[in-house]
Amino acid sequence: MRPRTVPTLLLVALLLPGCAVGEEPTSSSETGLHPRMTPEKRKAGHPHPGRRSGKGRSDHQNDRPKRRVTPPAAKPEKSSAMDASPTSTARSEPTAQPTVRAPAGPPSASVRDRTGDARGVGVPAYADLTGASLRRDGDRFTLRAGAAADFPTSSEEVEHVILFADTDGDGQVDYEIWATLADDGWSGTWRYPDGARFGSGSGVDVQPRGRDLVVGFDASRLGGASSFRWLVGAEQGTAEQQSTGTLSEDYAPDSGAVRFPG
């Protein structure tokens, strides 16, 4: 039987002196995923995002919708009382009905990812992302990450499903919401610019539901941002692969981060 493993992030939290699960550690390991937060043209043979160096220019200014210009209504022609016949019957014009718009739903966005594009050797289907959706209800976000097979409830190997968010538009990751699977089940991690919190202290709830992994967290975990760019990444493999940086990887979407709301 393969020895039981503990996710690297939780192991760091347990081993650092004076640092319990849920507290901010003095250091933590980096994921092997290097998301590209702004869309770029990709060269042939490089289907997956790579790390961006330096600060990227915000492309939010290009996302502004074009202003719609409504032409002024034509002025009615003046009529003279001399032109009206005493025997003529005035025709009544139909009354314009006001446009009724359905109330807008909660802010949301979704992306798709093709099946079979996970990078690695012997990648299980539950580590192959098929898409993701993100929805905000009040002060609560819900992320649903889809896979090509049912997510397991425990595993002797390690898997991370991570939401990356760029909240200030500079092309760099500001916040990360982690869902981590190991032999003791799923746990959450919140990483922010000044540190990280794990387990119950992260405020991240993870529930596998068939081919969907449902991750819930408060809006404060993204700095209270109401609009931002985001994408989801997944890693899977053994503890040895994790230590050597050779975990499998997949992204939704592959082409770079997308806007929230969509």
Protein backbone atom coordinates (compact mmCIF):
# COMPACT_ATOMS: atom_id res chain seq x y z
CA MET A 1 0.00 0.00 0.00
CA ARG A 2 1.31 3.43 -0.88
CA PRO A 3 2.11 5.57 2.21
CA ARG A 4 -0.50 8.13 3.15
CA THR A 5 0.38 11.62 2.04
CA VAL A 6 -0.46 15.06 3.39
CA PRO A 7 -0.87 18.10 1.09
CA THR A 8 2.26 20.20 1.06
CA LEU A 9 0.49 23.38 2.20
CA LEU A 10 -1.02 21.66 5.26
CA LEU A 11 2.27 19.93 6.02
CA VAL A 12 4.07 23.27 6.09
CA ALA A 13 1.47 24.68 8.45
CA LEU A 14 1.82 21.71 10.81
CA LEU A 15 5.62 21.66 10.89
CA LEU A 16 6.39 25.36 11.30
CA PRO A 17 7.00 26.22 15.00
CA GLY A 18 4.06 27.92 16.65
CA CYS A 19 1.89 27.67 13.54
CA ALA A 20 -1.34 25.66 13.72
CA VAL A 21 -3.74 24.86 10.96
CA GLY A 22 -5.73 27.99 10.16
CA GLU A 23 -2.94 30.39 11.15
CA GLU A 24 -0.77 32.34 8.77
CA PRO A 25 2.58 30.56 8.15
CA THR A 26 5.89 32.30 7.67
CA SER A 27 6.35 30.57 4.32
CA SER A 28 4.54 28.21 1.96
CA SER A 29 5.32 26.22 -1.16
CA GLU A 30 4.37 27.48 -4.59
CA THR A 31 2.05 25.64 -6.93
CA GLY A 32 3.39 24.43 -10.25
CA LEU A 33 0.54 26.18 -12.05
CA HIS A 34 1.55 29.46 -13.65
CA PRO A 35 -1.61 31.07 -15.03
CA ARG A 36 -1.58 33.79 -17.62
CA MET A 37 -4.07 36.35 -16.42
CA THR A 38 -4.31 38.35 -19.66
CA PRO A 39 -5.08 36.74 -23.04
CA GLU A 40 -2.19 36.48 -25.48
CA LYS A 41 -1.52 34.76 -28.78
CA ARG A 42 0.09 31.40 -28.15
CA LYS A 43 2.88 29.87 -30.16
CA ALA A 44 2.41 26.44 -31.71
CA GLY A 45 3.38 23.67 -29.31
CA HIS A 46 2.55 25.73 -26.21
CA PRO A 47 -1.13 25.11 -25.54
CA HIS A 48 -0.97 25.94 -21.84
CA PRO A 49 -0.51 29.28 -20.10
CA GLY A 50 2.96 30.24 -18.92
CA ARG A 51 4.24 32.59 -16.24
CA ARG A 52 4.18 36.27 -17.08
CA SER A 53 7.21 38.27 -16.06
CA GLY A 54 6.82 41.75 -14.68
CA LYS A 55 3.66 43.80 -14.47
CA GLY A 56 1.20 43.43 -17.33
CA ARG A 57 -0.76 46.31 -18.75
CA SER A 58 -4.38 46.34 -17.74
CA ASP A 59 -6.67 45.58 -20.64
CA HIS A 60 -9.80 46.66 -18.81
CA GLN A 61 -9.93 49.82 -20.88
CA ASN A 62 -10.50 47.68 -23.97
CA ASP A 63 -13.40 45.90 -22.28
CA ARG A 64 -15.58 48.99 -22.04
CA PRO A 65 -18.74 48.62 -24.14
CA LYS A 66 -19.13 51.03 -27.00
CA ARG A 67 -21.47 53.87 -26.31
CA ARG A 68 -24.77 53.54 -28.10
CA VAL A 69 -26.03 56.68 -29.74
CA THR A 70 -29.80 56.84 -30.19
CA PRO A 71 -30.89 59.15 -33.04
CA PRO A 72 -33.39 61.83 -31.97
CA ALA A 73 -37.00 61.14 -32.77
CA ALA A 74 -38.34 62.90 -35.87
CA LYS A 75 -40.29 66.06 -35.10
CA PRO A 76 -44.00 65.82 -35.96
CA GLU A 77 -45.10 67.88 -38.92
CA LYS A 78 -47.18 70.92 -38.15
CA SER A 79 -50.83 70.62 -39.18
CA SER A 80 -53.19 73.42 -40.04
CA ALA A 81 -56.82 73.61 -39.01
CA MET A 82 -57.62 74.65 -42.61
CA ASP A 83 -56.36 71.26 -43.84
CA ALA A 84 -58.74 69.29 -41.67
CA SER A 85 -62.05 68.26 -43.14
CA PRO A 86 -65.05 68.61 -40.84
CA THR A 87 -66.23 65.20 -41.95
CA SER A 88 -62.88 63.48 -41.49
CA THR A 89 -62.43 61.04 -38.65
CA ALA A 90 -59.16 61.28 -36.72
CA ARG A 91 -57.25 58.01 -36.53
CA SER A 92 -55.95 57.02 -33.11
CA GLU A 93 -52.31 55.97 -33.07
CA PRO A 94 -51.43 52.89 -31.00
CA THR A 95 -50.03 53.76 -27.59
CA ALA A 96 -46.43 52.68 -27.16
CA GLN A 97 -46.11 50.10 -24.39
CA PRO A 98 -43.25 50.47 -21.93
CA THR A 99 -40.50 47.88 -22.22
CA VAL A 100 -40.55 45.46 -19.30
CA ARG A 101 -37.16 43.98 -18.48
CA ALA A 102 -36.70 40.91 -16.35
CA PRO A 103 -34.79 41.58 -13.14
CA ALA A 104 -31.08 40.89 -13.48
CA GLY A 105 -29.86 37.72 -11.78
CA PRO A 106 -26.84 37.36 -9.52
CA PRO A 107 -23.51 38.27 -11.16
CA SER A 108 -21.92 35.21 -12.77
CA ALA A 109 -19.49 33.98 -15.41
CA SER A 110 -18.64 30.62 -16.91
CA VAL A 111 -15.95 29.05 -19.11
CA ARG A 112 -15.56 25.79 -21.01
CA ASP A 113 -12.53 23.57 -21.49
CA ARG A 114 -12.12 20.71 -23.91
CA THR A 115 -11.75 17.15 -22.61
CA GLY A 116 -8.47 15.30 -22.94
CA ASP A 117 -6.17 18.32 -22.82
CA ALA A 118 -4.72 17.82 -19.33
CA ARG A 119 -0.94 17.90 -19.49
CA GLY A 120 0.86 14.94 -17.91
CA VAL A 121 1.23 11.17 -17.99
CA GLY A 122 -1.65 8.93 -16.97
CA VAL A 123 -3.89 11.80 -15.87
CA PRO A 124 -7.14 10.48 -14.33
CA ALA A 125 -10.35 11.80 -15.86
CA TYR A 126 -11.34 13.59 -12.64
CA ALA A 127 -8.24 15.78 -13.04
CA ASP A 128 -9.24 16.79 -16.58
CA LEU A 129 -11.23 20.02 -16.31
CA THR A 130 -14.24 20.50 -18.60
CA GLY A 131 -15.16 24.01 -17.48
CA ALA A 132 -16.02 26.19 -14.52
CA SER A 133 -18.63 28.68 -13.38
CA LEU A 134 -18.47 31.43 -10.78
CA ARG A 135 -21.52 33.03 -9.19
CA ARG A 136 -21.98 35.68 -6.53
CA ASP A 137 -25.04 35.78 -4.26
CA GLY A 138 -24.76 38.75 -1.93
CA ASP A 139 -21.47 38.39 -0.07
CA ARG A 140 -20.98 34.75 -1.04
CA PHE A 141 -19.20 33.27 -4.07
CA THR A 142 -19.76 29.75 -5.40
CA LEU A 143 -17.26 28.16 -7.79
CA ARG A 144 -18.28 25.00 -9.66
CA ALA A 145 -15.40 23.25 -11.40
CA GLY A 146 -16.35 20.45 -13.80
CA ALA A 147 -14.27 17.38 -14.67
CA ALA A 148 -14.48 14.47 -17.12
CA ALA A 149 -15.28 12.02 -14.28
CA ASP A 150 -16.62 12.08 -10.74
CA PHE A 151 -14.38 13.79 -8.22
CA PRO A 152 -13.24 11.31 -5.54
CA THR A 153 -13.85 11.94 -1.85
CA SER A 154 -10.33 10.86 -0.85
CA SER A 155 -7.11 9.82 -2.55
CA GLU A 156 -3.61 8.65 -1.72
CA GLU A 157 -2.40 11.10 -4.31
CA VAL A 158 -2.65 14.89 -4.27
CA GLU A 159 -4.95 17.09 -6.28
CA HIS A 160 -5.40 20.87 -6.27
CA VAL A 161 -8.20 22.78 -7.95
CA ILE A 162 -7.37 26.49 -7.73
CA LEU A 163 -9.24 29.68 -8.55
CA PHE A 164 -6.84 32.48 -9.53
CA ALA A 165 -8.06 36.10 -9.42
CA ASP A 166 -6.51 39.35 -10.65
CA THR A 167 -8.52 42.05 -8.86
CA ASP A 168 -6.50 45.17 -9.74
CA GLY A 169 -6.10 44.57 -13.49
CA ASP A 170 -2.29 44.44 -13.55
CA GLY A 171 -2.08 40.94 -15.04
CA GLN A 172 -0.79 39.34 -11.83
CA VAL A 173 -2.56 36.96 -9.42
CA ASP A 174 -3.79 38.73 -6.27
CA TYR A 175 -5.89 36.02 -4.59
CA GLU A 176 -6.06 32.22 -4.78
CA ILE A 177 -8.82 29.90 -3.55
CA TRP A 178 -7.55 26.32 -3.22
CA ALA A 179 -9.43 23.02 -2.96
CA THR A 180 -6.97 20.27 -2.00
CA LEU A 181 -7.61 16.51 -2.02
CA ALA A 182 -5.59 13.97 -0.05
CA ASP A 183 -6.23 10.70 1.79
CA ASP A 184 -8.21 12.54 4.47
CA GLY A 185 -10.58 14.22 1.99
CA TRP A 186 -10.95 17.76 0.68
CA SER A 187 -9.81 20.92 2.44
CA GLY A 188 -9.64 24.61 1.55
CA THR A 189 -6.90 27.24 1.46
CA TRP A 190 -7.09 30.99 1.01
CA ARG A 191 -3.98 32.76 -0.29
CA TYR A 192 -3.84 36.54 -0.30
CA PRO A 193 -1.07 39.10 -0.97
CA ASP A 194 0.37 38.95 2.56
CA GLY A 195 0.02 35.25 3.41
CA ALA A 196 -2.31 32.29 3.53
CA ARG A 197 -4.80 30.51 5.77
CA PHE A 198 -5.62 26.82 5.74
CA GLY A 199 -8.38 24.41 6.68
CA SER A 200 -11.15 25.78 8.87
CA GLY A 201 -9.30 29.10 9.12
CA SER A 202 -9.44 29.61 5.36
CA GLY A 203 -13.18 30.22 5.17
CA VAL A 204 -13.26 27.97 2.08
CA ASP A 205 -15.83 25.15 1.91
CA VAL A 206 -15.26 22.27 -0.56
CA GLN A 207 -17.87 19.69 -1.57
CA PRO A 208 -17.46 17.06 -4.36
CA ARG A 209 -20.78 16.47 -6.15
CA GLY A 210 -20.31 13.98 -8.93
CA ARG A 211 -18.44 15.61 -11.78
CA ASP A 212 -18.69 19.03 -10.11
CA LEU A 213 -16.48 20.32 -7.34
CA VAL A 214 -18.39 23.02 -5.46
CA VAL A 215 -16.27 25.59 -3.61
CA GLY A 216 -17.87 28.30 -1.48
CA PHE A 217 -16.21 31.36 0.06
CA ASP A 218 -16.97 34.92 1.18
CA ALA A 219 -16.43 37.90 -1.10
CA SER A 220 -13.84 39.15 1.40
CA ARG A 221 -11.60 36.29 0.20
CA LEU A 222 -11.21 38.25 -3.05
CA GLY A 223 -10.68 41.56 -1.29
CA GLY A 224 -14.34 42.49 -1.75
CA ALA A 225 -13.84 42.98 -5.51
CA SER A 226 -17.02 43.06 -7.57
CA SER A 227 -15.27 42.72 -10.94
CA PHE A 228 -11.99 41.01 -11.79
CA ARG A 229 -10.30 38.53 -14.12
CA TRP A 230 -10.20 34.84 -13.21
CA LEU A 231 -9.43 31.32 -14.34
CA VAL A 232 -9.24 27.85 -12.77
CA GLY A 233 -6.31 25.43 -12.76
CA ALA A 234 -5.97 21.81 -11.64
CA GLU A 235 -2.95 19.73 -10.60
CA GLN A 236 -2.79 16.00 -9.79
CA GLY A 237 -0.16 13.40 -8.97
CA THR A 238 1.90 11.75 -6.27
CA ALA A 239 3.78 13.42 -3.44
CA GLU A 240 7.00 12.68 -5.34
CA GLN A 241 5.65 14.46 -8.42
CA GLN A 242 4.65 17.39 -6.28
CA SER A 243 8.14 17.70 -4.83
CA THR A 244 9.70 17.64 -8.31
CA GLY A 245 7.13 19.96 -9.91
CA THR A 246 5.87 17.32 -12.36
CA LEU A 247 2.19 17.17 -11.38
CA SER A 248 -0.30 17.03 -14.22
CA GLU A 249 -1.96 20.34 -15.07
CA ASP A 250 -5.04 21.67 -16.80
CA TYR A 251 -6.69 25.08 -17.12
CA ALA A 252 -10.19 26.39 -17.71
CA PRO A 253 -9.94 28.25 -19.97
CA ASP A 254 -6.61 27.55 -21.72
CA SER A 255 -6.52 30.92 -23.45
CA GLY A 256 -6.07 33.11 -20.36
CA ALA A 257 -8.22 34.73 -17.71
CA VAL A 258 -11.76 35.94 -18.36
CA ARG A 259 -13.89 38.68 -16.83
CA PHE A 260 -16.25 38.47 -13.90
CA PRO A 261 -19.10 39.17 -14.30
CA GLY A 262 -19.16 37.52 -17.70
